[in-house]
Amino acid sequence: MEHHDNTPQIEVQPADKAKIWGIWKVMLILLAVTAVEFVIAFTMESGAIKTFIFVILTIVKAFYIVGQFMHLSHEKKSLIWAILLPTMFIVFLLFILSYQGSAIFSLLY
């Protein structure tokens, strides 16, 4: 009878310091943007401008998360623009709708 060894062979790769620094850099950027969001949340009064700033900062955070952790930053520029342009258009429409809605609300009440 033959003896078969079914133990998996594990090969340890050396740490890629550039990738690790990239992850830390994205984490620090996300931390800074989140800190700015907290400052704005507790210092500005509510309104369309505050909402617009939050939407922009959320898109900035989404850009870094998608770019680093979903590897979109390594794709072709045409794919990035195909995702980014419609998103920017939708954000612009949300800002316009929010601004107009608050103007109409202030006229009515």
C-alpha atoms as a PDB file:
ATOM      1  CA  MET A   1       0.000   0.000   0.000  1.00  0.00           C
ATOM      2  CA  GLU A   2       1.132   3.438  -0.832  1.00  0.00           C
ATOM      3  CA  HIS A   3       0.958   6.298   1.611  1.00  0.00           C
ATOM      4  CA  HIS A   4      -0.384   9.590   0.208  1.00  0.00           C
ATOM      5  CA  ASP A   5       0.361  12.761   2.127  1.00  0.00           C
ATOM      6  CA  ASN A   6      -2.650  15.096   1.800  1.00  0.00           C
ATOM      7  CA  THR A   7      -1.168  17.910   3.858  1.00  0.00           C
ATOM      8  CA  PRO A   8      -1.310  21.181   1.979  1.00  0.00           C
ATOM      9  CA  GLN A   9       1.989  22.771   1.130  1.00  0.00           C
ATOM     10  CA  ILE A  10       2.028  26.394   2.305  1.00  0.00           C
ATOM     11  CA  GLU A  11       4.386  28.861   0.722  1.00  0.00           C
ATOM     12  CA  VAL A  12       4.896  32.134   2.576  1.00  0.00           C
ATOM     13  CA  GLN A  13       5.322  35.163   0.346  1.00  0.00           C
ATOM     14  CA  PRO A  14       7.361  38.149   1.477  1.00  0.00           C
ATOM     15  CA  ALA A  15       5.326  41.221   2.431  1.00  0.00           C
ATOM     16  CA  ASP A  16       4.770  43.703  -0.385  1.00  0.00           C
ATOM     17  CA  LYS A  17       5.560  46.952   1.405  1.00  0.00           C
ATOM     18  CA  ALA A  18       4.215  49.134  -1.436  1.00  0.00           C
ATOM     19  CA  LYS A  19       0.775  47.490  -1.249  1.00  0.00           C
ATOM     20  CA  ILE A  20       0.736  47.704   2.526  1.00  0.00           C
ATOM     21  CA  TRP A  21       1.624  51.420   2.412  1.00  0.00           C
ATOM     22  CA  GLY A  22      -1.106  51.945  -0.221  1.00  0.00           C
ATOM     23  CA  ILE A  23      -3.702  50.446   2.111  1.00  0.00           C
ATOM     24  CA  TRP A  24      -2.476  52.592   5.023  1.00  0.00           C
ATOM     25  CA  LYS A  25      -2.548  55.694   2.801  1.00  0.00           C
ATOM     26  CA  VAL A  26      -6.158  55.030   1.792  1.00  0.00           C
ATOM     27  CA  MET A  27      -7.061  54.417   5.443  1.00  0.00           C
ATOM     28  CA  LEU A  28      -5.513  57.756   6.465  1.00  0.00           C
ATOM     29  CA  ILE A  29      -7.347  59.592   3.672  1.00  0.00           C
ATOM     30  CA  LEU A  30     -10.643  57.974   4.689  1.00  0.00           C
ATOM     31  CA  LEU A  31      -9.963  58.913   8.311  1.00  0.00           C
ATOM     32  CA  ALA A  32      -9.286  62.540   7.345  1.00  0.00           C
ATOM     33  CA  VAL A  33     -12.426  62.794   5.196  1.00  0.00           C
ATOM     34  CA  THR A  34     -14.507  61.236   7.973  1.00  0.00           C
ATOM     35  CA  ALA A  35     -13.049  63.731  10.473  1.00  0.00           C
ATOM     36  CA  VAL A  36     -14.020  66.598   8.146  1.00  0.00           C
ATOM     37  CA  GLU A  37     -17.524  65.129   7.916  1.00  0.00           C
ATOM     38  CA  PHE A  38     -17.805  65.075  11.710  1.00  0.00           C
ATOM     39  CA  VAL A  39     -16.647  68.693  11.980  1.00  0.00           C
ATOM     40  CA  ILE A  40     -19.161  69.783   9.345  1.00  0.00           C
ATOM     41  CA  ALA A  41     -21.949  67.733  10.966  1.00  0.00           C
ATOM     42  CA  PHE A  42     -21.544  69.472  14.305  1.00  0.00           C
ATOM     43  CA  THR A  43     -20.674  73.015  13.168  1.00  0.00           C
ATOM     44  CA  MET A  44     -22.819  73.783  10.092  1.00  0.00           C
ATOM     45  CA  GLU A  45     -26.542  74.266  10.218  1.00  0.00           C
ATOM     46  CA  SER A  46     -28.755  72.083   8.047  1.00  0.00           C
ATOM     47  CA  GLY A  47     -29.409  73.000   4.448  1.00  0.00           C
ATOM     48  CA  ALA A  48     -28.760  72.176   0.836  1.00  0.00           C
ATOM     49  CA  ILE A  49     -25.094  73.204   0.990  1.00  0.00           C
ATOM     50  CA  LYS A  50     -24.412  70.888   3.942  1.00  0.00           C
ATOM     51  CA  THR A  51     -26.124  68.027   2.121  1.00  0.00           C
ATOM     52  CA  PHE A  52     -24.126  68.754  -1.026  1.00  0.00           C
ATOM     53  CA  ILE A  53     -20.849  68.735   0.936  1.00  0.00           C
ATOM     54  CA  PHE A  54     -21.769  65.403   2.530  1.00  0.00           C
ATOM     55  CA  VAL A  55     -22.596  63.877  -0.847  1.00  0.00           C
ATOM     56  CA  ILE A  56     -19.283  65.080  -2.316  1.00  0.00           C
ATOM     57  CA  LEU A  57     -17.299  63.761   0.660  1.00  0.00           C
ATOM     58  CA  THR A  58     -19.134  60.437   0.430  1.00  0.00           C
ATOM     59  CA  ILE A  59     -18.191  60.167  -3.240  1.00  0.00           C
ATOM     60  CA  VAL A  60     -14.564  60.925  -2.362  1.00  0.00           C
ATOM     61  CA  LYS A  61     -14.619  58.121   0.198  1.00  0.00           C
ATOM     62  CA  ALA A  62     -16.311  55.760  -2.269  1.00  0.00           C
ATOM     63  CA  PHE A  63     -13.650  56.607  -4.874  1.00  0.00           C
ATOM     64  CA  TYR A  64     -10.845  55.550  -2.554  1.00  0.00           C
ATOM     65  CA  ILE A  65     -12.646  52.441  -1.330  1.00  0.00           C
ATOM     66  CA  VAL A  66     -13.521  51.265  -4.838  1.00  0.00           C
ATOM     67  CA  GLY A  67     -10.103  52.202  -6.204  1.00  0.00           C
ATOM     68  CA  GLN A  68      -8.079  50.388  -3.574  1.00  0.00           C
ATOM     69  CA  PHE A  69     -10.189  47.534  -2.283  1.00  0.00           C
ATOM     70  CA  MET A  70     -12.130  46.696  -5.463  1.00  0.00           C
ATOM     71  CA  HIS A  71      -9.035  47.308  -7.629  1.00  0.00           C
ATOM     72  CA  LEU A  72     -10.731  49.771  -9.975  1.00  0.00           C
ATOM     73  CA  SER A  73      -7.737  52.122  -9.888  1.00  0.00           C
ATOM     74  CA  HIS A  74      -5.784  49.498 -11.830  1.00  0.00           C
ATOM     75  CA  GLU A  75      -8.311  49.409 -14.677  1.00  0.00           C
ATOM     76  CA  LYS A  76      -8.307  51.356 -17.919  1.00  0.00           C
ATOM     77  CA  LYS A  77      -9.221  55.038 -17.733  1.00  0.00           C
ATOM     78  CA  SER A  78     -12.216  54.580 -20.047  1.00  0.00           C
ATOM     79  CA  LEU A  79     -13.843  52.189 -17.569  1.00  0.00           C
ATOM     80  CA  ILE A  80     -13.211  54.599 -14.713  1.00  0.00           C
ATOM     81  CA  TRP A  81     -14.792  57.500 -16.632  1.00  0.00           C
ATOM     82  CA  ALA A  82     -17.732  55.294 -17.671  1.00  0.00           C
ATOM     83  CA  ILE A  83     -18.497  54.827 -13.984  1.00  0.00           C
ATOM     84  CA  LEU A  84     -17.499  58.287 -12.744  1.00  0.00           C
ATOM     85  CA  LEU A  85     -19.333  60.544 -15.226  1.00  0.00           C
ATOM     86  CA  PRO A  86     -22.844  59.145 -14.658  1.00  0.00           C
ATOM     87  CA  THR A  87     -22.228  59.231 -10.914  1.00  0.00           C
ATOM     88  CA  MET A  88     -21.185  62.886 -11.065  1.00  0.00           C
ATOM     89  CA  PHE A  89     -24.266  63.676 -13.153  1.00  0.00           C
ATOM     90  CA  ILE A  90     -26.547  62.002 -10.613  1.00  0.00           C
ATOM     91  CA  VAL A  91     -24.882  63.904  -7.761  1.00  0.00           C
ATOM     92  CA  PHE A  92     -25.363  67.159  -9.662  1.00  0.00           C
ATOM     93  CA  LEU A  93     -29.043  66.325 -10.161  1.00  0.00           C
ATOM     94  CA  LEU A  94     -29.416  65.522  -6.457  1.00  0.00           C
ATOM     95  CA  PHE A  95     -27.888  68.878  -5.556  1.00  0.00           C
ATOM     96  CA  ILE A  96     -30.194  70.760  -7.946  1.00  0.00           C
ATOM     97  CA  LEU A  97     -33.259  68.873  -6.686  1.00  0.00           C
ATOM     98  CA  SER A  98     -32.298  69.490  -3.068  1.00  0.00           C
ATOM     99  CA  TYR A  99     -31.657  73.178  -3.671  1.00  0.00           C
ATOM    100  CA  GLN A 100     -34.889  73.684  -5.612  1.00  0.00           C
ATOM    101  CA  GLY A 101     -36.861  71.633  -3.094  1.00  0.00           C
ATOM    102  CA  SER A 102     -35.646  73.745  -0.187  1.00  0.00           C
ATOM    103  CA  ALA A 103     -36.431  76.934  -2.133  1.00  0.00           C
ATOM    104  CA  ILE A 104     -39.966  75.770  -2.895  1.00  0.00           C
ATOM    105  CA  PHE A 105     -40.425  74.629   0.709  1.00  0.00           C
ATOM    106  CA  SER A 106     -39.329  78.017   2.043  1.00  0.00           C
ATOM    107  CA  LEU A 107     -41.763  79.785  -0.321  1.00  0.00           C
ATOM    108  CA  LEU A 108     -44.691  77.624   0.727  1.00  0.00           C
ATOM    109  CA  TYR A 109     -44.114  77.632   4.500  1.00  0.00           C
END
